Amino acid sequence: TDLLPAGLLSANAKARSLGLKNRVRCLQSDMIDLPVRNNCADVIFAHFSIYTIPEKEKRQRLLKNFKRALKSDGLLVMVNPSQQYDPQNIIQASLELDERKKGKVICLLKKWFVYPLTKWFGLRFVHQQIKSGNWHGYTLEELATELEDTGFEVLHSEPVYGNSAYLILGRYRLISI
């Protein structure tokens, strides 16, 4: 889900490029109240999204809706910013990855032409919102606890983006009696 059409267009394009278009559903919606039926998803990806909800109670409501939408043994993959969110660390980690995967020329082009704009117009804004308390930066323990408190089993967690965010993988298992 995304409130902005640009995010949906990007997600749909990525799904098409990966040959997954028929298995991905993108919705323009507020994600707190997911407009989907129960037990309909194998995987939910929440990349840099839940942190924009400053109230813990609303984040818990969202996580319960994720759980409701997931099939038994469904996976929730989340990435959220850490309390140590640092735009420069994100760019440095991205440059190192670019150099390994795409070579020095692409890395230099991105370093001088792409990442300065990314930092100025996107990453700095996120950083300011987290520092002001409008958005929520996590500790890894807090993120894991939020998942566990809503019935997810944490399968894996790790720092990403130059320690400026955490990736966490949770599984929801419907218990039948």
C-alpha atoms as a PDB file:
ATOM      1  CA  THR A   1       0.000   0.000   0.000  1.00  0.00           C
ATOM      2  CA  ASP A   2       1.022   3.562  -0.535  1.00  0.00           C
ATOM      3  CA  LEU A   3      -0.836   6.824  -0.340  1.00  0.00           C
ATOM      4  CA  LEU A   4       1.179   8.156  -3.273  1.00  0.00           C
ATOM      5  CA  PRO A   5       0.697   6.836  -6.829  1.00  0.00           C
ATOM      6  CA  ALA A   6       4.453   7.122  -7.520  1.00  0.00           C
ATOM      7  CA  GLY A   7       5.205   4.444  -4.921  1.00  0.00           C
ATOM      8  CA  LEU A   8       2.631   2.117  -6.445  1.00  0.00           C
ATOM      9  CA  LEU A   9       3.976   2.658  -9.955  1.00  0.00           C
ATOM     10  CA  SER A  10       7.482   1.848  -8.750  1.00  0.00           C
ATOM     11  CA  ALA A  11       6.364  -1.306  -6.929  1.00  0.00           C
ATOM     12  CA  ASN A  12       4.358  -2.525  -9.923  1.00  0.00           C
ATOM     13  CA  ALA A  13       7.307  -1.878 -12.256  1.00  0.00           C
ATOM     14  CA  LYS A  14       9.617  -3.854  -9.957  1.00  0.00           C
ATOM     15  CA  ALA A  15       7.120  -6.735  -9.788  1.00  0.00           C
ATOM     16  CA  ARG A  16       6.890  -6.776 -13.609  1.00  0.00           C
ATOM     17  CA  SER A  17      10.680  -6.755 -13.983  1.00  0.00           C
ATOM     18  CA  LEU A  18      10.940  -9.742 -11.624  1.00  0.00           C
ATOM     19  CA  GLY A  19       8.159 -11.665 -13.392  1.00  0.00           C
ATOM     20  CA  LEU A  20       5.930 -11.432 -10.322  1.00  0.00           C
ATOM     21  CA  LYS A  21       3.223  -9.075 -11.570  1.00  0.00           C
ATOM     22  CA  ASN A  22       0.493 -11.733 -11.291  1.00  0.00           C
ATOM     23  CA  ARG A  23       1.462 -12.445  -7.663  1.00  0.00           C
ATOM     24  CA  VAL A  24       1.760  -8.870  -6.376  1.00  0.00           C
ATOM     25  CA  ARG A  25      -1.099  -6.618  -5.385  1.00  0.00           C
ATOM     26  CA  CYS A  26      -0.507  -2.922  -4.771  1.00  0.00           C
ATOM     27  CA  LEU A  27      -3.168  -0.733  -3.193  1.00  0.00           C
ATOM     28  CA  GLN A  28      -3.485   3.021  -2.818  1.00  0.00           C
ATOM     29  CA  SER A  29      -4.569   3.160   0.789  1.00  0.00           C
ATOM     30  CA  ASP A  30      -3.691   4.063   4.341  1.00  0.00           C
ATOM     31  CA  MET A  31      -1.954   0.922   5.540  1.00  0.00           C
ATOM     32  CA  ILE A  32      -3.304   1.084   9.101  1.00  0.00           C
ATOM     33  CA  ASP A  33      -6.644  -0.302   7.921  1.00  0.00           C
ATOM     34  CA  LEU A  34      -5.652  -2.706   5.164  1.00  0.00           C
ATOM     35  CA  PRO A  35      -8.486  -3.168   2.678  1.00  0.00           C
ATOM     36  CA  VAL A  36      -7.766  -6.871   2.139  1.00  0.00           C
ATOM     37  CA  ARG A  37      -9.459 -10.087   3.172  1.00  0.00           C
ATOM     38  CA  ASN A  38      -8.174 -12.330   5.958  1.00  0.00           C
ATOM     39  CA  ASN A  39      -5.457 -14.908   5.239  1.00  0.00           C
ATOM     40  CA  CYS A  40      -4.800 -13.677   1.699  1.00  0.00           C
ATOM     41  CA  ALA A  41      -1.036 -12.969   1.652  1.00  0.00           C
ATOM     42  CA  ASP A  42       2.007 -15.216   1.769  1.00  0.00           C
ATOM     43  CA  VAL A  43       4.400 -12.309   2.373  1.00  0.00           C
ATOM     44  CA  ILE A  44       4.030  -8.676   3.352  1.00  0.00           C
ATOM     45  CA  PHE A  45       6.917  -6.285   2.734  1.00  0.00           C
ATOM     46  CA  ALA A  46       6.894  -3.118   4.827  1.00  0.00           C
ATOM     47  CA  HIS A  47       9.954  -1.186   3.703  1.00  0.00           C
ATOM     48  CA  PHE A  48      10.414   2.147   5.479  1.00  0.00           C
ATOM     49  CA  SER A  49       6.725   2.519   6.248  1.00  0.00           C
ATOM     50  CA  ILE A  50       5.605   1.703   9.786  1.00  0.00           C
ATOM     51  CA  TYR A  51       8.055   4.224  11.302  1.00  0.00           C
ATOM     52  CA  THR A  52       5.932   7.093   9.957  1.00  0.00           C
ATOM     53  CA  ILE A  53       3.314   6.213  12.575  1.00  0.00           C
ATOM     54  CA  PRO A  54       4.535   7.830  15.813  1.00  0.00           C
ATOM     55  CA  GLU A  55       1.890   6.310  18.118  1.00  0.00           C
ATOM     56  CA  LYS A  56       2.703   2.807  19.339  1.00  0.00           C
ATOM     57  CA  GLU A  57      -0.995   1.895  19.572  1.00  0.00           C
ATOM     58  CA  LYS A  58      -1.503   2.664  15.871  1.00  0.00           C
ATOM     59  CA  ARG A  59       1.628   0.698  14.923  1.00  0.00           C
ATOM     60  CA  GLN A  60       0.265  -2.236  16.933  1.00  0.00           C
ATOM     61  CA  ARG A  61      -3.066  -1.951  15.096  1.00  0.00           C
ATOM     62  CA  LEU A  62      -1.214  -2.013  11.790  1.00  0.00           C
ATOM     63  CA  LEU A  63       0.829  -5.068  12.797  1.00  0.00           C
ATOM     64  CA  LYS A  64      -2.380  -6.858  13.846  1.00  0.00           C
ATOM     65  CA  ASN A  65      -3.811  -6.054  10.407  1.00  0.00           C
ATOM     66  CA  PHE A  66      -0.670  -7.481   8.795  1.00  0.00           C
ATOM     67  CA  LYS A  67      -1.179 -10.624  10.875  1.00  0.00           C
ATOM     68  CA  ARG A  68      -4.849 -10.790   9.865  1.00  0.00           C
ATOM     69  CA  ALA A  69      -3.938 -10.533   6.174  1.00  0.00           C
ATOM     70  CA  LEU A  70      -1.211 -13.181   6.307  1.00  0.00           C
ATOM     71  CA  LYS A  71      -1.832 -16.858   5.746  1.00  0.00           C
ATOM     72  CA  SER A  72      -0.642 -19.243   8.436  1.00  0.00           C
ATOM     73  CA  ASP A  73       3.178 -19.352   8.280  1.00  0.00           C
ATOM     74  CA  GLY A  74       3.076 -16.068   6.348  1.00  0.00           C
ATOM     75  CA  LEU A  75       6.125 -13.839   6.476  1.00  0.00           C
ATOM     76  CA  LEU A  76       6.428 -10.178   7.363  1.00  0.00           C
ATOM     77  CA  VAL A  77       9.591  -8.510   6.078  1.00  0.00           C
ATOM     78  CA  MET A  78      10.148  -5.060   7.535  1.00  0.00           C
ATOM     79  CA  VAL A  79      12.851  -2.435   7.289  1.00  0.00           C
ATOM     80  CA  ASN A  80      12.610   0.564   9.573  1.00  0.00           C
ATOM     81  CA  PRO A  81      15.059   3.307  10.522  1.00  0.00           C
ATOM     82  CA  SER A  82      17.142   3.002  13.645  1.00  0.00           C
ATOM     83  CA  GLN A  83      17.549   5.666  16.277  1.00  0.00           C
ATOM     84  CA  GLN A  84      21.022   6.138  14.772  1.00  0.00           C
ATOM     85  CA  TYR A  85      19.607   6.975  11.340  1.00  0.00           C
ATOM     86  CA  ASP A  86      22.331   8.842   9.458  1.00  0.00           C
ATOM     87  CA  PRO A  87      21.965   9.918   5.811  1.00  0.00           C
ATOM     88  CA  GLN A  88      25.750   9.902   5.282  1.00  0.00           C
ATOM     89  CA  ASN A  89      26.050   6.294   6.513  1.00  0.00           C
ATOM     90  CA  ILE A  90      23.253   5.248   4.161  1.00  0.00           C
ATOM     91  CA  ILE A  91      24.990   6.871   1.200  1.00  0.00           C
ATOM     92  CA  GLN A  92      28.366   5.355   2.127  1.00  0.00           C
ATOM     93  CA  ALA A  93      26.863   1.865   2.399  1.00  0.00           C
ATOM     94  CA  SER A  94      25.058   2.378  -0.937  1.00  0.00           C
ATOM     95  CA  LEU A  95      28.272   3.516  -2.628  1.00  0.00           C
ATOM     96  CA  GLU A  96      30.138   0.457  -1.387  1.00  0.00           C
ATOM     97  CA  LEU A  97      27.373  -1.801  -2.702  1.00  0.00           C
ATOM     98  CA  ASP A  98      27.275   0.063  -6.039  1.00  0.00           C
ATOM     99  CA  GLU A  99      31.019  -0.324  -6.488  1.00  0.00           C
ATOM    100  CA  ARG A 100      30.887  -4.073  -5.798  1.00  0.00           C
ATOM    101  CA  LYS A 101      27.857  -4.725  -8.002  1.00  0.00           C
ATOM    102  CA  LYS A 102      28.074  -2.103 -10.757  1.00  0.00           C
ATOM    103  CA  GLY A 103      31.701  -0.971 -10.871  1.00  0.00           C
ATOM    104  CA  LYS A 104      33.625   2.223 -10.231  1.00  0.00           C
ATOM    105  CA  VAL A 105      32.171   4.312 -13.065  1.00  0.00           C
ATOM    106  CA  ILE A 106      28.558   3.848 -11.997  1.00  0.00           C
ATOM    107  CA  CYS A 107      29.605   4.358  -8.382  1.00  0.00           C
ATOM    108  CA  LEU A 108      31.273   7.694  -9.200  1.00  0.00           C
ATOM    109  CA  LEU A 109      28.304   8.871 -11.267  1.00  0.00           C
ATOM    110  CA  LYS A 110      25.937   8.121  -8.417  1.00  0.00           C
ATOM    111  CA  LYS A 111      28.317   9.648  -5.869  1.00  0.00           C
ATOM    112  CA  TRP A 112      28.437  12.991  -7.667  1.00  0.00           C
ATOM    113  CA  PHE A 113      25.045  13.240  -9.376  1.00  0.00           C
ATOM    114  CA  VAL A 114      22.439  10.987  -7.744  1.00  0.00           C
ATOM    115  CA  TYR A 115      23.226  10.643  -4.058  1.00  0.00           C
ATOM    116  CA  PRO A 116      23.595  14.374  -3.294  1.00  0.00           C
ATOM    117  CA  LEU A 117      19.990  14.865  -4.474  1.00  0.00           C
ATOM    118  CA  THR A 118      18.851  11.755  -2.621  1.00  0.00           C
ATOM    119  CA  LYS A 119      20.476  13.027   0.560  1.00  0.00           C
ATOM    120  CA  TRP A 120      19.173  16.565   0.235  1.00  0.00           C
ATOM    121  CA  PHE A 121      15.584  15.826  -0.800  1.00  0.00           C
ATOM    122  CA  GLY A 122      14.874  12.497   0.875  1.00  0.00           C
ATOM    123  CA  LEU A 123      17.258  11.225   3.498  1.00  0.00           C
ATOM    124  CA  ARG A 124      17.662  14.531   5.340  1.00  0.00           C
ATOM    125  CA  PHE A 125      13.879  14.899   5.573  1.00  0.00           C
ATOM    126  CA  VAL A 126      13.522  11.434   7.116  1.00  0.00           C
ATOM    127  CA  HIS A 127      16.362  12.247   9.533  1.00  0.00           C
ATOM    128  CA  GLN A 128      14.683  15.503  10.582  1.00  0.00           C
ATOM    129  CA  GLN A 129      11.327  13.790  11.120  1.00  0.00           C
ATOM    130  CA  ILE A 130      12.901  11.103  13.310  1.00  0.00           C
ATOM    131  CA  LYS A 131      14.929  13.615  15.348  1.00  0.00           C
ATOM    132  CA  SER A 132      11.851  15.810  15.905  1.00  0.00           C
ATOM    133  CA  GLY A 133       9.768  12.836  17.071  1.00  0.00           C
ATOM    134  CA  ASN A 134       7.258  13.107  14.218  1.00  0.00           C
ATOM    135  CA  TRP A 135       8.415   9.697  13.007  1.00  0.00           C
ATOM    136  CA  HIS A 136       9.819   6.785  14.995  1.00  0.00           C
ATOM    137  CA  GLY A 137      13.424   5.548  15.033  1.00  0.00           C
ATOM    138  CA  TYR A 138      13.814   2.077  16.533  1.00  0.00           C
ATOM    139  CA  THR A 139      16.222   0.046  18.563  1.00  0.00           C
ATOM    140  CA  LEU A 140      16.438  -3.518  17.278  1.00  0.00           C
ATOM    141  CA  GLU A 141      15.020  -4.821  20.559  1.00  0.00           C
ATOM    142  CA  GLU A 142      12.031  -2.452  20.359  1.00  0.00           C
ATOM    143  CA  LEU A 143      11.242  -3.486  16.794  1.00  0.00           C
ATOM    144  CA  ALA A 144      11.410  -7.181  17.714  1.00  0.00           C
ATOM    145  CA  THR A 145       9.203  -6.585  20.758  1.00  0.00           C
ATOM    146  CA  GLU A 146       6.562  -4.786  18.693  1.00  0.00           C
ATOM    147  CA  LEU A 147       6.369  -7.797  16.386  1.00  0.00           C
ATOM    148  CA  GLU A 148       6.302 -10.326  19.225  1.00  0.00           C
ATOM    149  CA  ASP A 149       3.630  -8.353  21.101  1.00  0.00           C
ATOM    150  CA  THR A 150       1.292  -8.789  18.126  1.00  0.00           C
ATOM    151  CA  GLY A 151       1.884 -12.518  17.708  1.00  0.00           C
ATOM    152  CA  PHE A 152       4.824 -12.710  15.303  1.00  0.00           C
ATOM    153  CA  GLU A 153       7.797 -14.985  15.808  1.00  0.00           C
ATOM    154  CA  VAL A 154      11.017 -13.131  14.963  1.00  0.00           C
ATOM    155  CA  LEU A 155      13.047 -15.333  12.623  1.00  0.00           C
ATOM    156  CA  HIS A 156      15.878 -12.962  11.738  1.00  0.00           C
ATOM    157  CA  SER A 157      17.043  -9.405  12.324  1.00  0.00           C
ATOM    158  CA  GLU A 158      20.057  -7.381  11.291  1.00  0.00           C
ATOM    159  CA  PRO A 159      21.255  -3.808  10.876  1.00  0.00           C
ATOM    160  CA  VAL A 160      21.208  -2.516   7.276  1.00  0.00           C
ATOM    161  CA  TYR A 161      21.887   0.718   5.386  1.00  0.00           C
ATOM    162  CA  GLY A 162      25.081   1.503   7.274  1.00  0.00           C
ATOM    163  CA  ASN A 163      23.448   0.723  10.649  1.00  0.00           C
ATOM    164  CA  SER A 164      20.811   3.369   9.942  1.00  0.00           C
ATOM    165  CA  ALA A 165      17.978   0.841   9.766  1.00  0.00           C
ATOM    166  CA  TYR A 166      16.983  -2.649  10.806  1.00  0.00           C
ATOM    167  CA  LEU A 167      15.680  -5.498   8.712  1.00  0.00           C
ATOM    168  CA  ILE A 168      13.485  -7.926  10.601  1.00  0.00           C
ATOM    169  CA  LEU A 169      11.721 -11.069   9.416  1.00  0.00           C
ATOM    170  CA  GLY A 170       8.689 -12.274  11.340  1.00  0.00           C
ATOM    171  CA  ARG A 171       6.420 -15.250  10.849  1.00  0.00           C
ATOM    172  CA  TYR A 172       2.800 -15.522  11.809  1.00  0.00           C
ATOM    173  CA  ARG A 173       1.617 -19.017  12.568  1.00  0.00           C
ATOM    174  CA  LEU A 174      -2.094 -19.607  12.928  1.00  0.00           C
ATOM    175  CA  ILE A 175      -2.521 -22.171  15.651  1.00  0.00           C
ATOM    176  CA  SER A 176      -5.402 -24.602  15.101  1.00  0.00           C
ATOM    177  CA  ILE A 177      -6.965 -26.479  17.969  1.00  0.00           C
END
